[in-house]
Amino acid sequence: MGSGFIDSHIDPEIDVWIRVTQEAWLETAKILFEKHGMNFFNFLSAIDWKPSPFGREMDAAIDHLDDEVTVETEMEWGVTGGEKRFQLLARVHNPVTNIGINIKADLDGEFPEVDTW
């Protein structure tokens, strides 16, 4: 992956995370599938890390229409960090070795996209 690799995080005997560039997304999937037998696709998801102006509560916006919002919070990206508002996440698994890995990529642009696996 070379310069496409950004960061990693390992929780021994629990989980593995890597963060790659948007350009390295497809190459990362190919390497994990072809060289490491990660042939079980668990999930694909995207996250908008922009903090809610209403905080972290689970109330619907309609419940507090009269509330004034004054708290500004910064984005938090979780494991392996991040630099952009949007991130793509996937998890693949090798059913023989029972090893799985989470892959993250920061997404650039107003309408971000990556090559499909």
PDB file of N, CA and C in Angstrom:
ATOM      1  N   MET A   1       0.814  -1.197   0.000  1.00  0.00           N
ATOM      2  CA  MET A   1       0.000   0.000   0.000  1.00  0.00           C
ATOM      3  C   MET A   1       0.853   1.255   0.000  1.00  0.00           C
ATOM      4  N   GLY A   2       2.033   1.163   0.548  1.00  0.00           N
ATOM      5  CA  GLY A   2       2.935   2.301   0.528  1.00  0.00           C
ATOM      6  C   GLY A   2       2.367   3.535   1.195  1.00  0.00           C
ATOM      7  N   SER A   3       2.315   4.633   0.443  1.00  0.00           N
ATOM      8  CA  SER A   3       1.859   5.902   1.007  1.00  0.00           C
ATOM      9  C   SER A   3       0.350   5.926   1.250  1.00  0.00           C
ATOM     10  N   GLY A   4      -0.372   4.897   0.815  1.00  0.00           N
ATOM     11  CA  GLY A   4      -1.807   4.816   1.045  1.00  0.00           C
ATOM     12  C   GLY A   4      -2.172   4.424   2.462  1.00  0.00           C
ATOM     13  N   PHE A   5      -1.198   3.894   3.196  1.00  0.00           N
ATOM     14  CA  PHE A   5      -1.421   3.491   4.584  1.00  0.00           C
ATOM     15  C   PHE A   5      -1.248   4.707   5.486  1.00  0.00           C
ATOM     16  N   ILE A   6      -2.222   4.947   6.384  1.00  0.00           N
ATOM     17  CA  ILE A   6      -2.149   6.109   7.274  1.00  0.00           C
ATOM     18  C   ILE A   6      -1.890   5.708   8.717  1.00  0.00           C
ATOM     19  N   ASP A   7      -2.674   4.765   9.243  1.00  0.00           N
ATOM     20  CA  ASP A   7      -2.562   4.434  10.663  1.00  0.00           C
ATOM     21  C   ASP A   7      -3.136   3.048  10.915  1.00  0.00           C
ATOM     22  N   SER A   8      -2.785   2.493  12.075  1.00  0.00           N
ATOM     23  CA  SER A   8      -3.350   1.200  12.476  1.00  0.00           C
ATOM     24  C   SER A   8      -3.531   1.185  13.987  1.00  0.00           C
ATOM     25  N   HIS A   9      -4.385   0.269  14.420  1.00  0.00           N
ATOM     26  CA  HIS A   9      -4.616   0.086  15.850  1.00  0.00           C
ATOM     27  C   HIS A   9      -4.914  -1.390  16.079  1.00  0.00           C
ATOM     28  N   ILE A  10      -4.217  -1.984  17.036  1.00  0.00           N
ATOM     29  CA  ILE A  10      -4.419  -3.399  17.354  1.00  0.00           C
ATOM     30  C   ILE A  10      -4.785  -3.531  18.824  1.00  0.00           C
ATOM     31  N   ASP A  11      -5.915  -4.170  19.080  1.00  0.00           N
ATOM     32  CA  ASP A  11      -6.281  -4.607  20.422  1.00  0.00           C
ATOM     33  C   ASP A  11      -6.008  -6.104  20.432  1.00  0.00           C
ATOM     34  N   PRO A  12      -4.886  -6.549  21.039  1.00  0.00           N
ATOM     35  CA  PRO A  12      -4.518  -7.966  20.980  1.00  0.00           C
ATOM     36  C   PRO A  12      -5.673  -8.890  21.360  1.00  0.00           C
ATOM     37  N   GLU A  13      -5.877  -9.890  20.520  1.00  0.00           N
ATOM     38  CA  GLU A  13      -6.911 -10.915  20.683  1.00  0.00           C
ATOM     39  C   GLU A  13      -8.328 -10.345  20.658  1.00  0.00           C
ATOM     40  N   ILE A  14      -8.482  -9.093  20.207  1.00  0.00           N
ATOM     41  CA  ILE A  14      -9.814  -8.484  20.144  1.00  0.00           C
ATOM     42  C   ILE A  14     -10.127  -7.971  18.740  1.00  0.00           C
ATOM     43  N   ASP A  15      -9.334  -7.006  18.244  1.00  0.00           N
ATOM     44  CA  ASP A  15      -9.675  -6.389  16.967  1.00  0.00           C
ATOM     45  C   ASP A  15      -8.483  -5.680  16.342  1.00  0.00           C
ATOM     46  N   VAL A  16      -8.577  -5.453  15.024  1.00  0.00           N
ATOM     47  CA  VAL A  16      -7.548  -4.753  14.260  1.00  0.00           C
ATOM     48  C   VAL A  16      -8.239  -3.697  13.399  1.00  0.00           C
ATOM     49  N   TRP A  17      -7.654  -2.502  13.364  1.00  0.00           N
ATOM     50  CA  TRP A  17      -8.157  -1.404  12.546  1.00  0.00           C
ATOM     51  C   TRP A  17      -7.018  -0.852  11.705  1.00  0.00           C
ATOM     52  N   ILE A  18      -7.292  -0.495  10.447  1.00  0.00           N
ATOM     53  CA  ILE A  18      -6.334   0.261   9.643  1.00  0.00           C
ATOM     54  C   ILE A  18      -7.077   1.410   8.973  1.00  0.00           C
ATOM     55  N   ARG A  19      -6.350   2.503   8.774  1.00  0.00           N
ATOM     56  CA  ARG A  19      -6.899   3.640   8.033  1.00  0.00           C
ATOM     57  C   ARG A  19      -6.022   3.867   6.828  1.00  0.00           C
ATOM     58  N   VAL A  20      -6.650   3.987   5.670  1.00  0.00           N
ATOM     59  CA  VAL A  20      -5.940   4.176   4.410  1.00  0.00           C
ATOM     60  C   VAL A  20      -6.494   5.411   3.707  1.00  0.00           C
ATOM     61  N   THR A  21      -5.778   5.852   2.687  1.00  0.00           N
ATOM     62  CA  THR A  21      -6.266   6.984   1.906  1.00  0.00           C
ATOM     63  C   THR A  21      -7.434   6.541   1.034  1.00  0.00           C
ATOM     64  N   GLN A  22      -8.180   7.507   0.584  1.00  0.00           N
ATOM     65  CA  GLN A  22      -9.306   7.241  -0.310  1.00  0.00           C
ATOM     66  C   GLN A  22      -8.816   6.551  -1.586  1.00  0.00           C
ATOM     67  N   GLU A  23      -7.654   6.954  -2.074  1.00  0.00           N
ATOM     68  CA  GLU A  23      -7.092   6.379  -3.298  1.00  0.00           C
ATOM     69  C   GLU A  23      -6.647   4.931  -3.101  1.00  0.00           C
ATOM     70  N   ALA A  24      -6.319   4.542  -1.866  1.00  0.00           N
ATOM     71  CA  ALA A  24      -5.834   3.183  -1.588  1.00  0.00           C
ATOM     72  C   ALA A  24      -6.952   2.222  -1.186  1.00  0.00           C
ATOM     73  N   TRP A  25      -8.195   2.669  -1.171  1.00  0.00           N
ATOM     74  CA  TRP A  25      -9.321   1.850  -0.716  1.00  0.00           C
ATOM     75  C   TRP A  25      -9.417   0.531  -1.487  1.00  0.00           C
ATOM     76  N   LEU A  26      -9.448   0.584  -2.814  1.00  0.00           N
ATOM     77  CA  LEU A  26      -9.594  -0.624  -3.632  1.00  0.00           C
ATOM     78  C   LEU A  26      -8.359  -1.513  -3.524  1.00  0.00           C
ATOM     79  N   GLU A  27      -7.178  -0.929  -3.587  1.00  0.00           N
ATOM     80  CA  GLU A  27      -5.942  -1.708  -3.474  1.00  0.00           C
ATOM     81  C   GLU A  27      -5.878  -2.437  -2.132  1.00  0.00           C
ATOM     82  N   THR A  28      -6.307  -1.788  -1.068  1.00  0.00           N
ATOM     83  CA  THR A  28      -6.321  -2.413   0.256  1.00  0.00           C
ATOM     84  C   THR A  28      -7.219  -3.638   0.263  1.00  0.00           C
ATOM     85  N   ALA A  29      -8.400  -3.515  -0.316  1.00  0.00           N
ATOM     86  CA  ALA A  29      -9.326  -4.650  -0.388  1.00  0.00           C
ATOM     87  C   ALA A  29      -8.711  -5.807  -1.167  1.00  0.00           C
ATOM     88  N   LYS A  30      -8.059  -5.501  -2.277  1.00  0.00           N
ATOM     89  CA  LYS A  30      -7.428  -6.552  -3.093  1.00  0.00           C
ATOM     90  C   LYS A  30      -6.325  -7.260  -2.322  1.00  0.00           C
ATOM     91  N   ILE A  31      -5.501  -6.511  -1.619  1.00  0.00           N
ATOM     92  CA  ILE A  31      -4.412  -7.107  -0.838  1.00  0.00           C
ATOM     93  C   ILE A  31      -4.969  -8.012   0.252  1.00  0.00           C
ATOM     94  N   LEU A  32      -5.976  -7.528   0.965  1.00  0.00           N
ATOM     95  CA  LEU A  32      -6.555  -8.332   2.045  1.00  0.00           C
ATOM     96  C   LEU A  32      -7.216  -9.599   1.506  1.00  0.00           C
ATOM     97  N   PHE A  33      -7.862  -9.515   0.355  1.00  0.00           N
ATOM     98  CA  PHE A  33      -8.527 -10.673  -0.236  1.00  0.00           C
ATOM     99  C   PHE A  33      -7.519 -11.649  -0.843  1.00  0.00           C
ATOM    100  N   GLU A  34      -6.634 -11.152  -1.705  1.00  0.00           N
ATOM    101  CA  GLU A  34      -5.730 -12.015  -2.464  1.00  0.00           C
ATOM    102  C   GLU A  34      -4.555 -12.549  -1.646  1.00  0.00           C
ATOM    103  N   LYS A  35      -3.994 -11.752  -0.771  1.00  0.00           N
ATOM    104  CA  LYS A  35      -2.788 -12.165  -0.040  1.00  0.00           C
ATOM    105  C   LYS A  35      -3.065 -12.658   1.373  1.00  0.00           C
ATOM    106  N   HIS A  36      -4.218 -12.301   1.933  1.00  0.00           N
ATOM    107  CA  HIS A  36      -4.484 -12.649   3.331  1.00  0.00           C
ATOM    108  C   HIS A  36      -5.769 -13.445   3.526  1.00  0.00           C
ATOM    109  N   GLY A  37      -6.402 -13.852   2.433  1.00  0.00           N
ATOM    110  CA  GLY A  37      -7.572 -14.723   2.522  1.00  0.00           C
ATOM    111  C   GLY A  37      -8.783 -14.112   3.199  1.00  0.00           C
ATOM    112  N   MET A  38      -8.861 -12.792   3.203  1.00  0.00           N
ATOM    113  CA  MET A  38     -10.015 -12.118   3.813  1.00  0.00           C
ATOM    114  C   MET A  38     -11.174 -12.162   2.814  1.00  0.00           C
ATOM    115  N   ASN A  39     -11.810 -13.328   2.708  1.00  0.00           N
ATOM    116  CA  ASN A  39     -12.834 -13.507   1.680  1.00  0.00           C
ATOM    117  C   ASN A  39     -14.265 -13.463   2.210  1.00  0.00           C
ATOM    118  N   PHE A  40     -14.441 -13.130   3.474  1.00  0.00           N
ATOM    119  CA  PHE A  40     -15.781 -12.923   4.013  1.00  0.00           C
ATOM    120  C   PHE A  40     -15.966 -11.433   4.242  1.00  0.00           C
ATOM    121  N   PHE A  41     -16.939 -10.859   3.542  1.00  0.00           N
ATOM    122  CA  PHE A  41     -17.230  -9.437   3.644  1.00  0.00           C
ATOM    123  C   PHE A  41     -18.301  -9.237   4.710  1.00  0.00           C
ATOM    124  N   ASN A  42     -17.933  -8.601   5.820  1.00  0.00           N
ATOM    125  CA  ASN A  42     -18.874  -8.402   6.921  1.00  0.00           C
ATOM    126  C   ASN A  42     -19.826  -7.236   6.680  1.00  0.00           C
ATOM    127  N   PHE A  43     -19.271  -6.037   6.435  1.00  0.00           N
ATOM    128  CA  PHE A  43     -20.141  -4.875   6.246  1.00  0.00           C
ATOM    129  C   PHE A  43     -19.407  -3.742   5.558  1.00  0.00           C
ATOM    130  N   LEU A  44     -20.197  -2.816   5.053  1.00  0.00           N
ATOM    131  CA  LEU A  44     -19.721  -1.561   4.486  1.00  0.00           C
ATOM    132  C   LEU A  44     -20.613  -0.467   5.052  1.00  0.00           C
ATOM    133  N   SER A  45     -20.007   0.618   5.506  1.00  0.00           N
ATOM    134  CA  SER A  45     -20.790   1.702   6.085  1.00  0.00           C
ATOM    135  C   SER A  45     -20.059   3.021   5.870  1.00  0.00           C
ATOM    136  N   ALA A  46     -20.753   4.100   6.082  1.00  0.00           N
ATOM    137  CA  ALA A  46     -20.150   5.430   6.031  1.00  0.00           C
ATOM    138  C   ALA A  46     -20.607   6.195   7.269  1.00  0.00           C
ATOM    139  N   ILE A  47     -19.745   7.083   7.733  1.00  0.00           N
ATOM    140  CA  ILE A  47     -20.058   7.876   8.920  1.00  0.00           C
ATOM    141  C   ILE A  47     -19.867   9.352   8.606  1.00  0.00           C
ATOM    142  N   ASP A  48     -20.818  10.144   9.041  1.00  0.00           N
ATOM    143  CA  ASP A  48     -20.704  11.596   9.028  1.00  0.00           C
ATOM    144  C   ASP A  48     -20.356  11.989  10.459  1.00  0.00           C
ATOM    145  N   TRP A  49     -19.107  12.407  10.676  1.00  0.00           N
ATOM    146  CA  TRP A  49     -18.621  12.688  12.025  1.00  0.00           C
ATOM    147  C   TRP A  49     -19.005  14.074  12.525  1.00  0.00           C
ATOM    148  N   LYS A  50     -19.755  14.833  11.738  1.00  0.00           N
ATOM    149  CA  LYS A  50     -20.120  16.172  12.191  1.00  0.00           C
ATOM    150  C   LYS A  50     -20.950  16.060  13.472  1.00  0.00           C
ATOM    151  N   PRO A  51     -20.526  16.739  14.531  1.00  0.00           N
ATOM    152  CA  PRO A  51     -21.274  16.671  15.791  1.00  0.00           C
ATOM    153  C   PRO A  51     -22.667  17.280  15.644  1.00  0.00           C
ATOM    154  N   SER A  52     -23.605  16.693  16.323  1.00  0.00           N
ATOM    155  CA  SER A  52     -24.962  17.231  16.340  1.00  0.00           C
ATOM    156  C   SER A  52     -24.976  18.512  17.158  1.00  0.00           C
ATOM    157  N   PRO A  53     -25.642  19.541  16.689  1.00  0.00           N
ATOM    158  CA  PRO A  53     -25.734  20.767  17.490  1.00  0.00           C
ATOM    159  C   PRO A  53     -26.583  20.564  18.741  1.00  0.00           C
ATOM    160  N   PHE A  54     -27.273  19.442  18.819  1.00  0.00           N
ATOM    161  CA  PHE A  54     -28.123  19.148  19.969  1.00  0.00           C
ATOM    162  C   PHE A  54     -27.430  18.244  20.980  1.00  0.00           C
ATOM    163  N   GLY A  55     -26.150  17.982  20.807  1.00  0.00           N
ATOM    164  CA  GLY A  55     -25.429  17.120  21.733  1.00  0.00           C
ATOM    165  C   GLY A  55     -25.565  15.659  21.357  1.00  0.00           C
ATOM    166  N   ARG A  56     -25.299  14.780  22.307  1.00  0.00           N
ATOM    167  CA  ARG A  56     -25.270  13.354  22.033  1.00  0.00           C
ATOM    168  C   ARG A  56     -26.553  12.646  22.465  1.00  0.00           C
ATOM    169  N   GLU A  57     -27.568  13.385  22.845  1.00  0.00           N
ATOM    170  CA  GLU A  57     -28.818  12.761  23.266  1.00  0.00           C
ATOM    171  C   GLU A  57     -29.498  12.084  22.087  1.00  0.00           C
ATOM    172  N   MET A  58     -30.420  11.216  22.409  1.00  0.00           N
ATOM    173  CA  MET A  58     -31.133  10.479  21.379  1.00  0.00           C
ATOM    174  C   MET A  58     -32.519  11.064  21.104  1.00  0.00           C
ATOM    175  N   ASP A  59     -32.806  12.252  21.626  1.00  0.00           N
ATOM    176  CA  ASP A  59     -34.104  12.873  21.403  1.00  0.00           C
ATOM    177  C   ASP A  59     -34.232  13.309  19.947  1.00  0.00           C
ATOM    178  N   ALA A  60     -35.439  13.267  19.433  1.00  0.00           N
ATOM    179  CA  ALA A  60     -35.701  13.749  18.084  1.00  0.00           C
ATOM    180  C   ALA A  60     -35.635  15.273  18.073  1.00  0.00           C
ATOM    181  N   ALA A  61     -35.264  15.840  16.942  1.00  0.00           N
ATOM    182  CA  ALA A  61     -35.143  17.292  16.832  1.00  0.00           C
ATOM    183  C   ALA A  61     -36.459  17.986  17.152  1.00  0.00           C
ATOM    184  N   ILE A  62     -37.553  17.365  16.819  1.00  0.00           N
ATOM    185  CA  ILE A  62     -38.863  17.977  17.057  1.00  0.00           C
ATOM    186  C   ILE A  62     -39.185  18.094  18.551  1.00  0.00           C
ATOM    187  N   ASP A  63     -38.533  17.291  19.383  1.00  0.00           N
ATOM    188  CA  ASP A  63     -38.788  17.327  20.825  1.00  0.00           C
ATOM    189  C   ASP A  63     -38.295  18.614  21.479  1.00  0.00           C
ATOM    190  N   HIS A  64     -37.355  19.293  20.849  1.00  0.00           N
ATOM    191  CA  HIS A  64     -36.736  20.468  21.472  1.00  0.00           C
ATOM    192  C   HIS A  64     -36.650  21.637  20.494  1.00  0.00           C
ATOM    193  N   LEU A  65     -37.688  21.905  19.782  1.00  0.00           N
ATOM    194  CA  LEU A  65     -37.651  22.982  18.800  1.00  0.00           C
ATOM    195  C   LEU A  65     -37.392  24.339  19.431  1.00  0.00           C
ATOM    196  N   ASP A  66     -37.765  24.508  20.687  1.00  0.00           N
ATOM    197  CA  ASP A  66     -37.584  25.795  21.350  1.00  0.00           C
ATOM    198  C   ASP A  66     -36.242  25.911  22.065  1.00  0.00           C
ATOM    199  N   ASP A  67     -35.474  24.816  22.124  1.00  0.00           N
ATOM    200  CA  ASP A  67     -34.181  24.843  22.806  1.00  0.00           C
ATOM    201  C   ASP A  67     -33.173  25.641  21.986  1.00  0.00           C
ATOM    202  N   GLU A  68     -32.418  26.484  22.672  1.00  0.00           N
ATOM    203  CA  GLU A  68     -31.360  27.221  22.008  1.00  0.00           C
ATOM    204  C   GLU A  68     -30.073  26.413  22.102  1.00  0.00           C
ATOM    205  N   VAL A  69     -29.402  26.256  20.989  1.00  0.00           N
ATOM    206  CA  VAL A  69     -28.177  25.471  20.944  1.00  0.00           C
ATOM    207  C   VAL A  69     -26.994  26.410  21.069  1.00  0.00           C
ATOM    208  N   THR A  70     -26.156  26.165  22.087  1.00  0.00           N
ATOM    209  CA  THR A  70     -25.004  27.034  22.303  1.00  0.00           C
ATOM    210  C   THR A  70     -23.696  26.264  22.371  1.00  0.00           C
ATOM    211  N   VAL A  71     -23.753  24.942  22.446  1.00  0.00           N
ATOM    212  CA  VAL A  71     -22.548  24.138  22.610  1.00  0.00           C
ATOM    213  C   VAL A  71     -21.970  23.765  21.252  1.00  0.00           C
ATOM    214  N   GLU A  72     -20.724  24.139  21.017  1.00  0.00           N
ATOM    215  CA  GLU A  72     -20.005  23.725  19.815  1.00  0.00           C
ATOM    216  C   GLU A  72     -19.010  22.648  20.219  1.00  0.00           C
ATOM    217  N   THR A  73     -19.061  21.504  19.568  1.00  0.00           N
ATOM    218  CA  THR A  73     -18.116  20.438  19.869  1.00  0.00           C
ATOM    219  C   THR A  73     -17.291  20.130  18.635  1.00  0.00           C
ATOM    220  N   GLU A  74     -16.121  19.544  18.858  1.00  0.00           N
ATOM    221  CA  GLU A  74     -15.244  19.172  17.755  1.00  0.00           C
ATOM    222  C   GLU A  74     -15.527  17.740  17.337  1.00  0.00           C
ATOM    223  N   MET A  75     -15.174  17.430  16.092  1.00  0.00           N
ATOM    224  CA  MET A  75     -15.354  16.073  15.593  1.00  0.00           C
ATOM    225  C   MET A  75     -14.396  15.124  16.294  1.00  0.00           C
ATOM    226  N   GLU A  76     -14.866  13.904  16.536  1.00  0.00           N
ATOM    227  CA  GLU A  76     -14.044  12.837  17.088  1.00  0.00           C
ATOM    228  C   GLU A  76     -14.174  11.644  16.157  1.00  0.00           C
ATOM    229  N   TRP A  77     -13.048  11.080  15.726  1.00  0.00           N
ATOM    230  CA  TRP A  77     -13.063  10.045  14.700  1.00  0.00           C
ATOM    231  C   TRP A  77     -12.916   8.623  15.215  1.00  0.00           C
ATOM    232  N   GLY A  78     -12.737   8.406  16.458  1.00  0.00           N
ATOM    233  CA  GLY A  78     -12.608   7.044  16.963  1.00  0.00           C
ATOM    234  C   GLY A  78     -11.244   6.428  16.671  1.00  0.00           C
ATOM    235  N   VAL A  79     -11.216   5.104  16.661  1.00  0.00           N
ATOM    236  CA  VAL A  79      -9.971   4.342  16.495  1.00  0.00           C
ATOM    237  C   VAL A  79      -9.307   4.685  15.163  1.00  0.00           C
ATOM    238  N   THR A  80      -8.017   4.872  15.155  1.00  0.00           N
ATOM    239  CA  THR A  80      -7.126   5.251  14.051  1.00  0.00           C
ATOM    240  C   THR A  80      -7.346   6.672  13.553  1.00  0.00           C
ATOM    241  N   GLY A  81      -8.184   7.435  14.222  1.00  0.00           N
ATOM    242  CA  GLY A  81      -8.320   8.849  13.913  1.00  0.00           C
ATOM    243  C   GLY A  81      -8.994   9.149  12.587  1.00  0.00           C
ATOM    244  N   GLY A  82      -8.808  10.383  12.157  1.00  0.00           N
ATOM    245  CA  GLY A  82      -9.388  10.845  10.912  1.00  0.00           C
ATOM    246  C   GLY A  82      -9.089  12.308  10.705  1.00  0.00           C
ATOM    247  N   GLU A  83      -9.366  12.776   9.498  1.00  0.00           N
ATOM    248  CA  GLU A  83      -9.119  14.173   9.173  1.00  0.00           C
ATOM    249  C   GLU A  83     -10.291  14.825   8.456  1.00  0.00           C
ATOM    250  N   LYS A  84     -11.229  14.038   7.993  1.00  0.00           N
ATOM    251  CA  LYS A  84     -12.343  14.558   7.200  1.00  0.00           C
ATOM    252  C   LYS A  84     -13.666  14.298   7.905  1.00  0.00           C
ATOM    253  N   ARG A  85     -14.690  15.009   7.471  1.00  0.00           N
ATOM    254  CA  ARG A  85     -16.016  14.851   8.060  1.00  0.00           C
ATOM    255  C   ARG A  85     -16.612  13.476   7.749  1.00  0.00           C
ATOM    256  N   PHE A  86     -16.379  12.973   6.540  1.00  0.00           N
ATOM    257  CA  PHE A  86     -16.949  11.690   6.137  1.00  0.00           C
ATOM    258  C   PHE A  86     -15.883  10.608   6.095  1.00  0.00           C
ATOM    259  N   GLN A  87     -16.247   9.411   6.571  1.00  0.00           N
ATOM    260  CA  GLN A  87     -15.355   8.255   6.496  1.00  0.00           C
ATOM    261  C   GLN A  87     -16.141   7.048   6.001  1.00  0.00           C
ATOM    262  N   LEU A  88     -15.437   6.213   5.248  1.00  0.00           N
ATOM    263  CA  LEU A  88     -15.979   4.946   4.788  1.00  0.00           C
ATOM    264  C   LEU A  88     -15.384   3.857   5.662  1.00  0.00           C
ATOM    265  N   LEU A  89     -16.201   2.887   6.060  1.00  0.00           N
ATOM    266  CA  LEU A  89     -15.738   1.787   6.904  1.00  0.00           C
ATOM    267  C   LEU A  89     -16.175   0.456   6.304  1.00  0.00           C
ATOM    268  N   ALA A  90     -15.321  -0.529   6.439  1.00  0.00           N
ATOM    269  CA  ALA A  90     -15.671  -1.892   6.023  1.00  0.00           C
ATOM    270  C   ALA A  90     -14.980  -2.864   6.963  1.00  0.00           C
ATOM    271  N   ARG A  91     -15.506  -4.078   7.003  1.00  0.00           N
ATOM    272  CA  ARG A  91     -14.869  -5.143   7.779  1.00  0.00           C
ATOM    273  C   ARG A  91     -14.845  -6.388   6.915  1.00  0.00           C
ATOM    274  N   VAL A  92     -13.670  -7.017   6.880  1.00  0.00           N
ATOM    275  CA  VAL A  92     -13.500  -8.286   6.182  1.00  0.00           C
ATOM    276  C   VAL A  92     -12.920  -9.295   7.155  1.00  0.00           C
ATOM    277  N   HIS A  93     -13.049 -10.571   6.801  1.00  0.00           N
ATOM    278  CA  HIS A  93     -12.716 -11.629   7.746  1.00  0.00           C
ATOM    279  C   HIS A  93     -12.146 -12.826   6.991  1.00  0.00           C
ATOM    280  N   ASN A  94     -11.152 -13.480   7.585  1.00  0.00           N
ATOM    281  CA  ASN A  94     -10.640 -14.745   7.067  1.00  0.00           C
ATOM    282  C   ASN A  94     -11.261 -15.850   7.910  1.00  0.00           C
ATOM    283  N   PRO A  95     -12.199 -16.633   7.343  1.00  0.00           N
ATOM    284  CA  PRO A  95     -12.883 -17.652   8.143  1.00  0.00           C
ATOM    285  C   PRO A  95     -11.997 -18.829   8.542  1.00  0.00           C
ATOM    286  N   VAL A  96     -10.869 -19.009   7.883  1.00  0.00           N
ATOM    287  CA  VAL A  96      -9.962 -20.108   8.226  1.00  0.00           C
ATOM    288  C   VAL A  96      -9.133 -19.755   9.454  1.00  0.00           C
ATOM    289  N   THR A  97      -8.558 -18.549   9.451  1.00  0.00           N
ATOM    290  CA  THR A  97      -7.707 -18.128  10.570  1.00  0.00           C
ATOM    291  C   THR A  97      -8.507 -17.422  11.668  1.00  0.00           C
ATOM    292  N   ASN A  98      -9.758 -17.091  11.362  1.00  0.00           N
ATOM    293  CA  ASN A  98     -10.634 -16.377  12.284  1.00  0.00           C
ATOM    294  C   ASN A  98     -10.093 -14.989  12.637  1.00  0.00           C
ATOM    295  N   ILE A  99      -9.440 -14.354  11.670  1.00  0.00           N
ATOM    296  CA  ILE A  99      -8.927 -12.997  11.846  1.00  0.00           C
ATOM    297  C   ILE A  99      -9.768 -12.052  11.001  1.00  0.00           C
ATOM    298  N   GLY A 100     -10.170 -10.951  11.609  1.00  0.00           N
ATOM    299  CA  GLY A 100     -10.926  -9.928  10.899  1.00  0.00           C
ATOM    300  C   GLY A 100     -10.219  -8.594  11.004  1.00  0.00           C
ATOM    301  N   ILE A 101     -10.549  -7.695  10.107  1.00  0.00           N
ATOM    302  CA  ILE A 101      -9.919  -6.381  10.117  1.00  0.00           C
ATOM    303  C   ILE A 101     -10.935  -5.323   9.683  1.00  0.00           C
ATOM    304  N   ASN A 102     -10.893  -4.183  10.353  1.00  0.00           N
ATOM    305  CA  ASN A 102     -11.723  -3.029  10.008  1.00  0.00           C
ATOM    306  C   ASN A 102     -10.877  -2.064   9.194  1.00  0.00           C
ATOM    307  N   ILE A 103     -11.437  -1.565   8.103  1.00  0.00           N
ATOM    308  CA  ILE A 103     -10.728  -0.635   7.232  1.00  0.00           C
ATOM    309  C   ILE A 103     -11.496   0.678   7.209  1.00  0.00           C
ATOM    310  N   LYS A 104     -10.767   1.794   7.352  1.00  0.00           N
ATOM    311  CA  LYS A 104     -11.369   3.129   7.316  1.00  0.00           C
ATOM    312  C   LYS A 104     -10.644   3.976   6.285  1.00  0.00           C
ATOM    313  N   ALA A 105     -11.392   4.867   5.646  1.00  0.00           N
ATOM    314  CA  ALA A 105     -10.789   5.836   4.727  1.00  0.00           C
ATOM    315  C   ALA A 105     -11.524   7.160   4.856  1.00  0.00           C
ATOM    316  N   ASP A 106     -10.753   8.244   4.981  1.00  0.00           N
ATOM    317  CA  ASP A 106     -11.336   9.584   4.958  1.00  0.00           C
ATOM    318  C   ASP A 106     -11.804   9.875   3.536  1.00  0.00           C
ATOM    319  N   LEU A 107     -12.949  10.526   3.412  1.00  0.00           N
ATOM    320  CA  LEU A 107     -13.507  10.828   2.099  1.00  0.00           C
ATOM    321  C   LEU A 107     -13.465  12.326   1.835  1.00  0.00           C
ATOM    322  N   ASP A 108     -12.896  12.701   0.686  1.00  0.00           N
ATOM    323  CA  ASP A 108     -12.786  14.103   0.287  1.00  0.00           C
ATOM    324  C   ASP A 108     -13.937  14.504  -0.618  1.00  0.00           C
ATOM    325  N   GLY A 109     -14.204  15.781  -0.656  1.00  0.00           N
ATOM    326  CA  GLY A 109     -15.141  16.329  -1.620  1.00  0.00           C
ATOM    327  C   GLY A 109     -16.570  16.417  -1.126  1.00  0.00           C
ATOM    328  N   GLU A 110     -17.352  17.188  -1.859  1.00  0.00           N
ATOM    329  CA  GLU A 110     -18.755  17.379  -1.505  1.00  0.00           C
ATOM    330  C   GLU A 110     -19.575  16.119  -1.778  1.00  0.00           C
ATOM    331  N   PHE A 111     -19.204  15.381  -2.831  1.00  0.00           N
ATOM    332  CA  PHE A 111     -19.871  14.126  -3.174  1.00  0.00           C
ATOM    333  C   PHE A 111     -18.815  13.030  -3.241  1.00  0.00           C
ATOM    334  N   PRO A 112     -18.328  12.560  -2.079  1.00  0.00           N
ATOM    335  CA  PRO A 112     -17.209  11.615  -2.061  1.00  0.00           C
ATOM    336  C   PRO A 112     -17.594  10.259  -2.644  1.00  0.00           C
ATOM    337  N   GLU A 113     -16.595   9.614  -3.267  1.00  0.00           N
ATOM    338  CA  GLU A 113     -16.798   8.278  -3.807  1.00  0.00           C
ATOM    339  C   GLU A 113     -15.466   7.542  -3.847  1.00  0.00           C
ATOM    340  N   VAL A 114     -15.552   6.226  -3.876  1.00  0.00           N
ATOM    341  CA  VAL A 114     -14.373   5.372  -4.013  1.00  0.00           C
ATOM    342  C   VAL A 114     -14.701   4.272  -5.011  1.00  0.00           C
ATOM    343  N   ASP A 115     -13.655   3.607  -5.507  1.00  0.00           N
ATOM    344  CA  ASP A 115     -13.863   2.461  -6.389  1.00  0.00           C
ATOM    345  C   ASP A 115     -14.462   1.320  -5.589  1.00  0.00           C
ATOM    346  N   THR A 116     -15.366   0.579  -6.203  1.00  0.00           N
ATOM    347  CA  THR A 116     -16.032  -0.515  -5.521  1.00  0.00           C
ATOM    348  C   THR A 116     -15.135  -1.744  -5.446  1.00  0.00           C
ATOM    349  N   TRP A 117     -15.401  -2.580  -4.460  1.00  0.00           N
ATOM    350  CA  TRP A 117     -14.673  -3.833  -4.313  1.00  0.00           C
ATOM    351  C   TRP A 117     -15.284  -4.815  -5.258  1.00  0.00           C
TER     352      TRP A 117
END
